[in-house]
N, C-alpha and C. Protein backbone atom coordinates (compact mmCIF):
# COMPACT_ATOMS: atom_id res chain seq x y z
N MET A 1 24.80 -5.97 6.30
CA MET A 1 24.30 -7.31 6.20
C MET A 1 24.25 -7.92 5.30
N PRO A 2 25.10 -9.13 4.85
CA PRO A 2 25.18 -10.19 3.58
C PRO A 2 23.75 -10.74 3.53
N HIS A 3 23.16 -10.75 1.85
CA HIS A 3 21.67 -11.33 1.66
C HIS A 3 22.22 -12.81 2.24
N THR A 4 20.64 -12.59 2.92
CA THR A 4 20.38 -14.37 3.13
C THR A 4 19.68 -14.79 2.53
N ALA A 5 19.61 -16.18 2.69
CA ALA A 5 18.57 -17.34 1.57
C ALA A 5 16.79 -17.08 2.10
N PRO A 6 16.05 -16.85 1.88
CA PRO A 6 14.92 -17.09 1.93
C PRO A 6 14.65 -18.41 3.17
N LEU A 7 13.49 -18.08 3.64
CA LEU A 7 13.09 -18.77 4.78
C LEU A 7 12.10 -18.99 4.50
N SER A 8 11.02 -19.86 5.43
CA SER A 8 9.78 -19.80 5.40
C SER A 8 9.28 -19.22 6.42
N LEU A 9 8.06 -17.88 6.37
CA LEU A 9 7.69 -17.77 7.82
C LEU A 9 7.91 -18.30 9.27
N SER A 10 7.43 -19.13 8.67
CA SER A 10 7.01 -20.48 10.20
C SER A 10 7.95 -20.72 10.75
N GLU A 11 10.21 -20.41 10.09
CA GLU A 11 10.82 -20.69 10.25
C GLU A 11 11.98 -19.12 10.88
N LEU A 12 10.86 -18.12 11.07
CA LEU A 12 11.21 -16.85 11.17
C LEU A 12 11.52 -16.43 12.84
N PRO A 13 12.41 -15.97 13.34
CA PRO A 13 12.26 -16.06 15.25
C PRO A 13 11.64 -14.84 15.31
N LEU A 14 11.38 -14.68 16.45
CA LEU A 14 10.32 -13.75 16.95
C LEU A 14 10.81 -12.45 16.63
N ASP A 15 10.10 -11.31 16.58
CA ASP A 15 10.52 -10.18 16.51
C ASP A 15 12.01 -9.95 15.59
N THR A 16 11.97 -10.80 14.61
CA THR A 16 12.72 -10.27 13.58
C THR A 16 11.97 -9.69 12.35
N PRO A 17 12.81 -8.43 11.80
CA PRO A 17 12.03 -8.02 11.09
C PRO A 17 12.68 -8.95 9.58
N ALA A 18 11.26 -8.70 8.68
CA ALA A 18 11.72 -9.83 7.57
C ALA A 18 10.79 -9.19 6.45
N ARG A 19 10.48 -9.27 5.28
CA ARG A 19 9.98 -8.49 4.19
C ARG A 19 9.27 -10.44 3.00
N ILE A 20 8.11 -10.62 3.31
CA ILE A 20 7.52 -11.59 2.31
C ILE A 20 8.51 -10.84 0.35
N VAL A 21 9.24 -12.07 0.07
CA VAL A 21 9.46 -12.23 -1.12
C VAL A 21 8.95 -13.85 -2.56
N GLU A 22 8.16 -14.49 -1.78
CA GLU A 22 7.53 -15.54 -2.62
C GLU A 22 6.10 -15.61 -1.57
N ILE A 23 5.38 -16.04 -2.52
CA ILE A 23 3.75 -16.99 -1.95
C ILE A 23 3.69 -18.05 -2.73
N ARG A 24 4.10 -19.24 -1.84
CA ARG A 24 4.36 -20.64 -2.71
C ARG A 24 3.11 -20.91 -2.73
N GLY A 25 1.89 -20.56 -3.11
CA GLY A 25 0.12 -21.00 -2.91
C GLY A 25 -0.34 -20.42 -4.32
N GLY A 26 -1.50 -20.81 -4.59
CA GLY A 26 -2.28 -20.71 -5.52
C GLY A 26 -3.14 -19.45 -5.94
N HIS A 27 -3.68 -19.12 -6.89
CA HIS A 27 -4.74 -17.70 -6.36
C HIS A 27 -5.39 -17.67 -5.48
N HIS A 28 -6.41 -18.70 -4.75
CA HIS A 28 -7.02 -18.22 -3.64
C HIS A 28 -6.00 -17.49 -2.28
N LEU A 29 -4.91 -18.68 -2.26
CA LEU A 29 -4.23 -18.12 -1.41
C LEU A 29 -3.68 -16.79 -1.40
N THR A 30 -3.47 -16.23 -2.76
CA THR A 30 -2.97 -15.06 -2.99
C THR A 30 -3.97 -14.24 -2.69
N ARG A 31 -5.06 -14.10 -3.42
CA ARG A 31 -5.87 -13.36 -2.89
C ARG A 31 -6.27 -13.65 -1.34
N ARG A 32 -6.53 -14.64 -0.53
CA ARG A 32 -6.80 -14.18 1.03
C ARG A 32 -5.87 -13.63 1.75
N LEU A 33 -4.62 -13.28 1.19
CA LEU A 33 -3.46 -13.01 2.05
C LEU A 33 -3.61 -11.18 1.45
N LEU A 34 -3.81 -10.92 0.28
CA LEU A 34 -4.28 -9.67 -0.37
C LEU A 34 -4.97 -8.90 0.55
N ALA A 35 -5.98 -9.81 0.84
CA ALA A 35 -7.20 -9.37 1.75
C ALA A 35 -7.22 -8.97 3.29
N LEU A 36 -5.69 -9.30 3.37
CA LEU A 36 -5.36 -9.58 4.92
C LEU A 36 -4.71 -8.35 4.91
N GLY A 37 -4.00 -7.65 3.22
CA GLY A 37 -2.78 -6.74 3.26
C GLY A 37 -1.32 -7.52 3.00
N LEU A 38 -1.43 -8.48 3.16
CA LEU A 38 -0.24 -9.04 2.84
C LEU A 38 0.02 -9.53 1.05
N ARG A 39 1.14 -8.89 0.63
CA ARG A 39 1.39 -9.37 -0.26
C ARG A 39 3.22 -9.25 -0.46
N GLN A 40 3.32 -9.95 -1.75
CA GLN A 40 5.70 -9.84 -2.01
C GLN A 40 5.79 -8.41 -1.90
N GLY A 41 6.64 -8.53 -0.91
CA GLY A 41 7.84 -6.92 -0.65
C GLY A 41 6.71 -6.43 0.83
N SER A 42 5.74 -6.91 1.62
CA SER A 42 5.10 -6.64 2.83
C SER A 42 6.11 -7.05 3.88
N ALA A 43 6.29 -6.01 4.56
CA ALA A 43 7.05 -6.02 5.70
C ALA A 43 6.54 -6.71 6.89
N LEU A 44 7.16 -7.40 8.11
CA LEU A 44 6.29 -8.21 9.15
C LEU A 44 6.84 -8.69 9.71
N SER A 45 6.58 -8.76 11.00
CA SER A 45 7.21 -10.21 12.29
C SER A 45 6.64 -10.76 12.45
N VAL A 46 6.98 -11.79 13.19
CA VAL A 46 6.30 -12.58 14.58
C VAL A 46 6.76 -11.79 15.51
N VAL A 47 5.42 -11.70 16.11
CA VAL A 47 5.35 -11.12 17.37
C VAL A 47 4.60 -12.31 19.10
N GLN A 48 4.19 -13.88 18.27
CA GLN A 48 3.86 -14.36 19.08
C GLN A 48 3.45 -15.82 18.51
N ARG A 49 4.11 -17.26 18.91
CA ARG A 49 3.69 -18.58 18.42
C ARG A 49 2.70 -18.69 19.19
N ARG A 50 1.39 -19.23 18.98
CA ARG A 50 0.33 -19.61 19.85
C ARG A 50 0.71 -21.28 18.87
N GLY A 51 0.08 -22.37 19.89
CA GLY A 51 0.25 -23.52 19.27
C GLY A 51 0.32 -23.96 17.50
N GLN A 52 -0.31 -24.12 16.95
CA GLN A 52 0.02 -24.09 15.88
C GLN A 52 -0.21 -22.82 14.67
N GLY A 53 0.30 -21.68 15.50
CA GLY A 53 -0.27 -20.96 14.75
C GLY A 53 0.79 -19.61 15.11
N LEU A 54 0.73 -18.77 14.35
CA LEU A 54 1.76 -17.30 14.43
C LEU A 54 0.81 -16.04 14.60
N VAL A 55 1.16 -14.98 15.14
CA VAL A 55 0.58 -13.98 15.29
C VAL A 55 2.02 -12.79 14.32
N LEU A 56 1.35 -11.85 13.60
CA LEU A 56 2.03 -11.34 12.82
C LEU A 56 2.07 -9.88 13.16
N ALA A 57 3.34 -9.05 13.41
CA ALA A 57 2.83 -7.30 13.23
C ALA A 57 3.47 -7.07 11.93
N THR A 58 2.55 -6.18 11.14
CA THR A 58 2.58 -5.66 9.80
C THR A 58 1.90 -4.18 9.95
N GLY A 59 3.29 -3.26 10.05
CA GLY A 59 2.07 -1.98 9.67
C GLY A 59 2.28 -2.21 11.57
N SER A 60 0.77 -1.08 11.73
CA SER A 60 0.20 -0.87 12.93
C SER A 60 -1.07 -2.04 12.86
N GLY A 61 -0.75 -3.40 12.44
CA GLY A 61 -2.17 -4.54 12.97
C GLY A 61 -1.45 -5.50 12.82
N ARG A 62 -1.98 -6.35 13.40
CA ARG A 62 -1.74 -7.75 14.21
C ARG A 62 -2.48 -8.75 13.18
N ILE A 63 -2.15 -9.74 12.64
CA ILE A 63 -2.51 -10.80 11.97
C ILE A 63 -2.70 -12.28 12.46
N ALA A 64 -3.03 -13.24 12.45
CA ALA A 64 -3.06 -14.65 13.17
C ALA A 64 -3.65 -15.34 11.55
N MET A 65 -2.36 -16.04 12.79
CA MET A 65 -1.90 -17.15 10.67
C MET A 65 -1.39 -18.55 10.99
N GLY A 66 -2.02 -19.36 10.22
CA GLY A 66 -2.07 -20.85 10.95
C GLY A 66 -0.65 -21.15 10.19
N PHE A 67 0.05 -22.47 10.89
CA PHE A 67 1.59 -22.55 10.35
C PHE A 67 0.96 -23.00 8.93
N GLY A 68 0.38 -23.35 8.54
CA GLY A 68 0.52 -24.50 7.35
C GLY A 68 0.41 -23.29 5.67
N VAL A 69 -0.30 -22.15 6.46
CA VAL A 69 0.24 -20.77 5.30
C VAL A 69 1.42 -20.06 5.85
N ALA A 70 1.70 -20.35 6.96
CA ALA A 70 2.97 -19.78 7.09
C ALA A 70 4.33 -20.41 6.52
N GLU A 71 3.80 -21.90 6.23
CA GLU A 71 4.90 -22.51 5.59
C GLU A 71 5.33 -21.80 3.61
N LYS A 72 3.95 -21.80 3.13
CA LYS A 72 3.86 -21.11 2.07
C LYS A 72 4.23 -20.15 1.78
N LEU A 73 4.82 -18.84 3.10
CA LEU A 73 5.19 -17.69 2.67
C LEU A 73 6.69 -17.59 3.13
N ARG A 74 7.44 -17.50 1.74
CA ARG A 74 9.13 -17.11 1.96
C ARG A 74 9.38 -15.81 2.48
N VAL A 75 10.01 -15.35 3.44
CA VAL A 75 10.80 -14.26 4.18
C VAL A 75 12.03 -14.14 3.71
N ARG A 76 12.50 -12.65 3.67
CA ARG A 76 13.71 -12.29 3.83
C ARG A 76 14.27 -11.43 4.81
N LEU A 77 15.13 -11.83 5.48
CA LEU A 77 15.28 -10.72 7.11
C LEU A 77 15.93 -9.30 6.25
N GLU A 78 15.57 -8.94 7.08
CA GLU A 78 15.88 -6.99 6.61
C GLU A 78 16.74 -6.64 7.44
N PRO A 79 17.46 -5.79 7.13
CA PRO A 79 18.73 -5.45 7.75
C PRO A 79 18.05 -4.35 9.32
N GLU A 80 19.02 -4.59 10.63
CA GLU A 80 18.50 -3.85 11.88
C GLU A 80 18.42 -2.59 11.46
N VAL A 81 17.64 -1.62 12.09
CA VAL A 81 17.85 -0.38 12.16
C VAL A 81 19.14 0.36 12.39
N GLY A 82 20.26 1.16 12.17
CA GLY A 82 21.38 1.61 12.43
C GLY A 82 22.43 0.64 12.10
N THR A 83 22.22 -0.54 11.22
CA THR A 83 23.52 -0.94 10.69
C THR A 83 23.74 -0.61 9.25
N THR A 84 25.06 -0.86 8.81
CA THR A 84 25.24 -0.70 7.48
C THR A 84 25.43 -2.06 6.64
N ASP A 85 25.51 -2.21 5.35
CA ASP A 85 25.41 -3.30 5.36
C ASP A 85 27.13 -3.67 5.27
N ASP A 86 28.06 -3.16 5.50
CA ASP A 86 29.42 -3.63 5.83
C ASP A 86 29.19 -3.83 8.06
N GLY A 87 28.63 -4.37 8.01
CA GLY A 87 28.64 -4.32 9.49
C GLY A 87 28.67 -3.47 10.30
N ARG A 88 28.98 -2.50 10.20
CA ARG A 88 29.20 -0.90 11.22
C ARG A 88 27.88 -0.93 11.64
N ASP A 89 27.67 -0.20 12.70
CA ASP A 89 26.76 0.07 13.28
C ASP A 89 26.96 2.18 13.53
């Protein structure tokens, strides 16, 4: 799979594996996310959209997050399990 440009977490399609590549917020936001177990490099996916928020799956846990915070997180899509970089299964 070719490397894709980072997109905001709010744009991530449902059930698409991704990894956080950038947090566009200050120290306060970064510390709040760390307390939730989210940091640059964390793997996650969006499992539900609820009004102005998202529910994320990360590891074995679930985290609810508002749309404003999701806009500040940039993610990169992860390759699907069972595929190679040249597109073969």
